[in-house]
């Protein structure tokens, strides 16, 4: 399944560590937003790793599942858009 994972993390070092982890799992599409394709088990493992790093009082990381219908097309694009790479 494809997920859109976003985060709001206050500490710079923690934010960098979380971004590094997410970059190994998926593609950065915005500064704090990644597209990640993984199984539910892999997502659980990913969140276990991130959970050890973040401050649970101030930080949050959210994974939004993207359905096949939501991936069919984009509703609106404003500004420059990176070209999509075909799936392998």
N, C-alpha and C. Protein backbone atom coordinates (compact mmCIF):
# COMPACT_ATOMS: atom_id res chain seq x y z
N UNK A 1 0.84 -1.18 0.00
CA UNK A 1 0.00 0.00 0.00
C UNK A 1 0.89 1.24 0.00
N UNK A 2 0.40 2.28 -0.62
CA UNK A 2 1.10 3.56 -0.65
C UNK A 2 0.57 4.44 0.48
N UNK A 3 1.49 5.12 1.16
CA UNK A 3 1.14 6.03 2.25
C UNK A 3 1.76 7.40 1.99
N UNK A 4 1.06 8.42 2.43
CA UNK A 4 1.61 9.76 2.49
C UNK A 4 1.94 9.99 3.96
N UNK A 5 3.21 10.15 4.27
CA UNK A 5 3.65 10.30 5.66
C UNK A 5 4.13 11.73 5.86
N UNK A 6 3.55 12.39 6.86
CA UNK A 6 3.92 13.76 7.19
C UNK A 6 4.37 13.83 8.64
N UNK A 7 5.14 14.85 8.94
CA UNK A 7 5.57 15.01 10.33
C UNK A 7 5.68 16.48 10.70
N UNK A 8 5.57 16.72 12.01
CA UNK A 8 5.84 18.03 12.60
C UNK A 8 6.70 17.74 13.82
N UNK A 9 7.99 18.00 13.71
CA UNK A 9 8.96 17.66 14.74
C UNK A 9 9.75 18.92 15.08
N UNK A 10 9.77 19.28 16.36
CA UNK A 10 10.36 20.55 16.77
C UNK A 10 11.89 20.55 16.82
N UNK A 11 12.51 19.45 17.20
CA UNK A 11 13.96 19.40 17.35
C UNK A 11 14.63 19.12 16.01
N UNK A 12 15.60 19.97 15.65
CA UNK A 12 16.28 19.85 14.35
C UNK A 12 16.96 18.50 14.15
N UNK A 13 17.70 18.04 15.17
CA UNK A 13 18.43 16.77 15.04
C UNK A 13 17.46 15.60 14.89
N UNK A 14 16.39 15.62 15.67
CA UNK A 14 15.39 14.55 15.58
C UNK A 14 14.71 14.57 14.23
N UNK A 15 14.37 15.77 13.77
CA UNK A 15 13.71 15.91 12.47
C UNK A 15 14.60 15.36 11.35
N UNK A 16 15.89 15.64 11.42
CA UNK A 16 16.83 15.12 10.42
C UNK A 16 16.91 13.60 10.47
N UNK A 17 16.94 13.03 11.67
CA UNK A 17 17.00 11.57 11.81
C UNK A 17 15.74 10.92 11.24
N UNK A 18 14.58 11.50 11.54
CA UNK A 18 13.32 10.95 11.03
C UNK A 18 13.29 11.06 9.50
N UNK A 19 13.71 12.19 8.97
CA UNK A 19 13.74 12.37 7.51
C UNK A 19 14.67 11.35 6.87
N UNK A 20 15.82 11.10 7.48
CA UNK A 20 16.76 10.11 6.95
C UNK A 20 16.14 8.72 6.90
N UNK A 21 15.40 8.36 7.95
CA UNK A 21 14.72 7.06 7.98
C UNK A 21 13.69 7.00 6.86
N UNK A 22 12.87 8.04 6.74
CA UNK A 22 11.81 8.05 5.73
C UNK A 22 12.38 8.03 4.32
N UNK A 23 13.51 8.67 4.10
CA UNK A 23 14.12 8.67 2.77
C UNK A 23 14.58 7.28 2.35
N UNK A 24 14.87 6.42 3.32
CA UNK A 24 15.24 5.03 3.02
C UNK A 24 14.02 4.21 2.62
N UNK A 25 12.84 4.65 3.04
CA UNK A 25 11.61 3.91 2.77
C UNK A 25 10.83 4.46 1.59
N UNK A 26 11.03 5.74 1.27
CA UNK A 26 10.21 6.33 0.23
C UNK A 26 10.82 7.57 -0.38
N UNK A 27 9.97 8.37 -0.98
CA UNK A 27 10.39 9.55 -1.74
C UNK A 27 9.86 10.82 -1.07
N UNK A 28 10.75 11.77 -0.86
CA UNK A 28 10.34 13.05 -0.30
C UNK A 28 9.61 13.84 -1.38
N UNK A 29 8.40 14.33 -1.05
CA UNK A 29 7.63 15.13 -2.00
C UNK A 29 7.47 16.57 -1.54
N UNK A 30 7.68 16.82 -0.27
CA UNK A 30 7.72 18.15 0.32
C UNK A 30 8.72 18.08 1.47
N UNK A 31 8.99 19.21 2.11
CA UNK A 31 10.00 19.21 3.17
C UNK A 31 9.69 18.18 4.26
N UNK A 32 8.45 18.10 4.69
CA UNK A 32 8.08 17.17 5.76
C UNK A 32 7.00 16.19 5.32
N UNK A 33 7.10 15.75 4.06
CA UNK A 33 6.07 14.88 3.48
C UNK A 33 6.73 13.87 2.54
N UNK A 34 6.41 12.59 2.76
CA UNK A 34 7.01 11.51 1.99
C UNK A 34 5.94 10.58 1.43
N UNK A 35 6.18 10.07 0.23
CA UNK A 35 5.37 8.98 -0.32
C UNK A 35 6.14 7.69 -0.03
N UNK A 36 5.48 6.76 0.65
CA UNK A 36 6.13 5.51 1.04
C UNK A 36 5.25 4.34 0.62
N UNK A 37 5.82 3.40 -0.10
CA UNK A 37 5.10 2.18 -0.46
C UNK A 37 5.64 1.05 0.41
N UNK A 38 4.75 0.45 1.22
CA UNK A 38 5.17 -0.61 2.12
C UNK A 38 3.96 -1.40 2.59
N UNK A 39 4.23 -2.53 3.22
CA UNK A 39 3.17 -3.34 3.81
C UNK A 39 2.81 -2.75 5.17
N UNK A 40 1.71 -3.22 5.75
CA UNK A 40 1.33 -2.77 7.09
C UNK A 40 2.40 -3.15 8.11
N UNK A 41 2.99 -4.33 7.93
CA UNK A 41 4.06 -4.77 8.83
C UNK A 41 5.27 -3.84 8.73
N UNK A 42 5.65 -3.49 7.52
CA UNK A 42 6.78 -2.57 7.32
C UNK A 42 6.47 -1.19 7.90
N UNK A 43 5.23 -0.74 7.74
CA UNK A 43 4.83 0.55 8.31
C UNK A 43 4.93 0.52 9.83
N UNK A 44 4.51 -0.59 10.42
CA UNK A 44 4.60 -0.75 11.87
C UNK A 44 6.05 -0.68 12.33
N UNK A 45 6.95 -1.36 11.61
CA UNK A 45 8.37 -1.33 11.95
C UNK A 45 8.94 0.08 11.79
N UNK A 46 8.52 0.76 10.74
CA UNK A 46 8.96 2.13 10.51
C UNK A 46 8.56 3.03 11.67
N UNK A 47 7.31 2.91 12.12
CA UNK A 47 6.83 3.74 13.21
C UNK A 47 7.47 3.36 14.55
N UNK A 48 7.85 2.11 14.74
CA UNK A 48 8.57 1.73 15.95
C UNK A 48 9.91 2.44 16.01
N UNK A 49 10.59 2.52 14.87
CA UNK A 49 11.89 3.21 14.81
C UNK A 49 11.72 4.70 15.08
N UNK A 50 10.70 5.29 14.47
CA UNK A 50 10.47 6.73 14.64
C UNK A 50 10.02 7.04 16.06
N UNK A 51 9.18 6.17 16.63
CA UNK A 51 8.64 6.38 17.97
C UNK A 51 9.75 6.50 19.02
N UNK A 52 10.86 5.81 18.80
CA UNK A 52 11.99 5.86 19.74
C UNK A 52 12.70 7.21 19.70
N UNK A 53 12.50 7.97 18.63
CA UNK A 53 13.23 9.22 18.44
C UNK A 53 12.45 10.47 18.85
N UNK A 54 11.15 10.47 18.62
CA UNK A 54 10.39 11.71 18.76
C UNK A 54 9.98 11.98 20.20
N UNK A 55 9.68 13.26 20.46
CA UNK A 55 9.12 13.69 21.73
C UNK A 55 7.60 13.56 21.61
N UNK A 56 7.02 12.63 22.34
CA UNK A 56 5.59 12.35 22.20
C UNK A 56 4.70 13.48 22.72
N UNK A 57 5.29 14.43 23.44
CA UNK A 57 4.52 15.57 23.95
C UNK A 57 4.40 16.70 22.91
N UNK A 58 5.38 16.79 22.01
CA UNK A 58 5.39 17.93 21.09
C UNK A 58 5.39 17.55 19.61
N UNK A 59 5.82 16.35 19.29
CA UNK A 59 5.99 15.94 17.89
C UNK A 59 4.88 15.00 17.44
N UNK A 60 4.67 14.94 16.14
CA UNK A 60 3.76 13.92 15.60
C UNK A 60 4.16 13.53 14.19
N UNK A 61 3.86 12.28 13.87
CA UNK A 61 4.09 11.71 12.55
C UNK A 61 2.80 11.00 12.16
N UNK A 62 2.31 11.28 10.97
CA UNK A 62 1.02 10.72 10.53
C UNK A 62 1.20 10.04 9.18
N UNK A 63 0.61 8.85 9.04
CA UNK A 63 0.61 8.13 7.76
C UNK A 63 -0.82 8.09 7.23
N UNK A 64 -1.02 8.65 6.06
CA UNK A 64 -2.32 8.63 5.39
C UNK A 64 -2.28 7.58 4.29
N UNK A 65 -3.12 6.54 4.36
CA UNK A 65 -3.12 5.55 3.28
C UNK A 65 -3.68 6.17 1.99
N UNK A 66 -3.03 5.86 0.89
CA UNK A 66 -3.49 6.33 -0.42
C UNK A 66 -4.08 5.15 -1.17
N UNK A 67 -5.35 5.25 -1.49
CA UNK A 67 -6.03 4.16 -2.19
C UNK A 67 -5.72 4.21 -3.68
N UNK A 68 -6.06 3.13 -4.37
CA UNK A 68 -5.86 3.11 -5.82
C UNK A 68 -6.64 4.23 -6.49
N UNK A 69 -7.84 4.52 -5.98
CA UNK A 69 -8.64 5.61 -6.55
C UNK A 69 -7.96 6.95 -6.37
N UNK A 70 -7.35 7.16 -5.20
CA UNK A 70 -6.71 8.45 -4.97
C UNK A 70 -5.43 8.60 -5.78
N UNK A 71 -4.86 7.49 -6.25
CA UNK A 71 -3.63 7.54 -7.03
C UNK A 71 -3.87 7.65 -8.53
N UNK A 72 -5.14 7.58 -8.95
CA UNK A 72 -5.45 7.62 -10.38
C UNK A 72 -5.08 8.94 -11.02
N UNK A 73 -5.23 10.01 -10.29
CA UNK A 73 -4.92 11.32 -10.86
C UNK A 73 -4.86 12.36 -9.78
N UNK A 74 -4.24 13.46 -10.11
CA UNK A 74 -4.14 14.56 -9.17
C UNK A 74 -5.24 15.56 -9.47
N UNK A 75 -5.84 16.09 -8.42
CA UNK A 75 -6.93 17.03 -8.59
C UNK A 75 -6.43 18.38 -9.07
N UNK A 76 -5.40 18.92 -8.41
CA UNK A 76 -4.90 20.24 -8.78
C UNK A 76 -3.43 20.34 -8.42
N UNK A 77 -2.71 21.02 -9.26
CA UNK A 77 -1.29 21.28 -9.02
C UNK A 77 -1.08 22.78 -9.18
N UNK A 78 -0.47 23.39 -8.20
CA UNK A 78 -0.11 24.81 -8.28
C UNK A 78 1.40 24.91 -8.13
N UNK A 79 2.05 25.54 -9.05
CA UNK A 79 3.50 25.68 -8.98
C UNK A 79 4.20 24.55 -9.69
N UNK A 80 5.51 24.47 -9.51
CA UNK A 80 6.33 23.48 -10.19
C UNK A 80 6.08 22.09 -9.61
N UNK A 81 5.95 21.12 -10.47
CA UNK A 81 5.71 19.72 -10.06
C UNK A 81 6.80 18.85 -10.64
N UNK A 82 7.41 18.03 -9.78
CA UNK A 82 8.42 17.09 -10.25
C UNK A 82 7.75 16.04 -11.11
N UNK A 83 8.40 15.66 -12.20
CA UNK A 83 7.86 14.64 -13.08
C UNK A 83 7.75 13.32 -12.34
N UNK A 84 6.66 12.61 -12.58
CA UNK A 84 6.47 11.30 -11.97
C UNK A 84 7.38 10.29 -12.65
N UNK A 85 7.92 9.39 -11.85
CA UNK A 85 8.69 8.30 -12.42
C UNK A 85 7.79 7.09 -12.51
N UNK A 86 7.85 6.36 -13.61
CA UNK A 86 6.98 5.20 -13.76
C UNK A 86 7.32 4.14 -12.71
N UNK A 87 6.29 3.42 -12.20
CA UNK A 87 6.55 2.36 -11.23
C UNK A 87 7.37 1.25 -11.85
N UNK A 88 8.18 0.63 -11.03
CA UNK A 88 9.03 -0.47 -11.51
C UNK A 88 8.31 -1.78 -11.43
